[in-house]
Amino acid sequence: MRALRGGQAKRHLSYFSIVALVLTITAPCLAAEWSLTPSMSTKAYYNNNLLLTPFPHDPTYGYWISPAAEFAGKTERLEVSGRAALDFVDYYGGEPNRFTNVFLPLTMKYRTERDEWGFTGGFTRDNTLMGELLTTGIVLRFTQRNLWNVNPSWTRMITEKFGFQSTFQFSDASYQDGLRLGLVDYQVFGGTAGFLYHVTERDDVQIAATYTNFHTTNAPFGLRAYYPGAMLTVTHIFTEGLKATAYGGPRFVSSTNQGGGFSQTTKDTIWIYGASLTQQFERASLQLSVTRDIFPSGFGLLLQTDRIGAFTSYNLTDTLTASLDASGYMVSGVTSQARGGTLPTQQLFYLTPKLAWHFSEWWRAEASYGYRWRDLETLNEPVMSNTLMFMLTYYPPKLAISN
């Protein structure tokens, strides 16, 4: 355990070292604008079925304390932004627990006349019922997840309208007490390379070859899977506030289960697709999306997730905003489970209305309700949960430097 904490501490120091290096090198000679925006939040929480279980359970309630700071810098060529945030969480009742979430995202862009280098990534320590559930649509055991992401990119404009794009992806996920809970650590490597064409001022077309490699790192029955493919993306801007994007392409999945003296290889073709529509009004916004994608999972397999989502917000007044977030998922296994067998098809639906009140220059209050509905083949009937949250946030004055 000490070794694990030491490794995490070294990774955290590495992240801060990268941020410090970027700031140290660029700030004195290039910086035009730098800003730091701190905040402090406290949240009261109640959930009557935290784990979405069909078995007898008690409600869970608790509180969160969340300090955070966002930083950003911009020059003629360089843009840097990031965030450092913590959640100190105490749960009582049905699922008593105490844990700390960590969020350290970082984004960078550097532009020349024809080239743009980018980077997105960072470190996230959250629980499996936060980010992973809303990404994949599947309920895992309730534990902490450490996730590292590194995603550099390069775009080269060969002409004013035609360019080359490439990206690289690396992810490393590990789970606290994962093996005891039936979860395994994994890594993902991948990348894309393709071309971008600005057909008109309102239309873009992209075509790319993709490759992804997934493997478990600590499972007694290991899984390796790779899936090359191709992707076509079309974007059209109808008006200043209305934008649509559609994409699709095949993935040729080859997976191998190993362990216990046996090895089994399977192959399949999965079609990935998606479409989104964004409308911006004077006081409101609307986003609609339909997607199918392949995601890695702590169960030690790849998941196919079909998702329909909608998000809308409306500014009731200059200080009061109402929003509604809703999504429906259908999840199935692309590969067999590490210990054999297939994952039963699962369905998840969530609905979250929220009201946010910026009642003073430095204070903001939010109240939200969350409804989740879950069904799978092995359940006699669907299970549901209800969540109530109230959050109060203090924003100290923003710190800004420009030269």
Foldseek 3Di string as FASTA:
>chain_A
DVVVVVVVVVQVVVLVVVVVVVCVVCVPPFWFKKWKWKKKKKKWKKKQCLQQDPDDFGIKIWMKIKIKMKMWTDGPFKIKIWMWMKIFIAMDGRDGDTDMKIGIWIKMWGDDPFKIKIKTWDKIKDWCSPPVCVVFVDRADTFIKIKTKIKIKMWGAPDPFKIKIKIKIKMWMDTDCLVVRLFFTKMKTKMKIWMWGCPDPFKIKIKIKIKMWMWTDDDQWIKIKMWIKMKIKMKGDPDPFKIKIKMKIKIWMWMWIDHPPDIDIDIDIDIWIKMKMWGDDPFKIKIWMWTWDWDDDRQNFIKTKTKTWMKMKGDPDPFKIKIKIKMKIWMWTPDAGSVGDTDWIKIKIKIKIKMKGPPDPFKIKMKMKMKMWMDTDPDPDIGIMIMIMIMMMGIDDMDMDGD
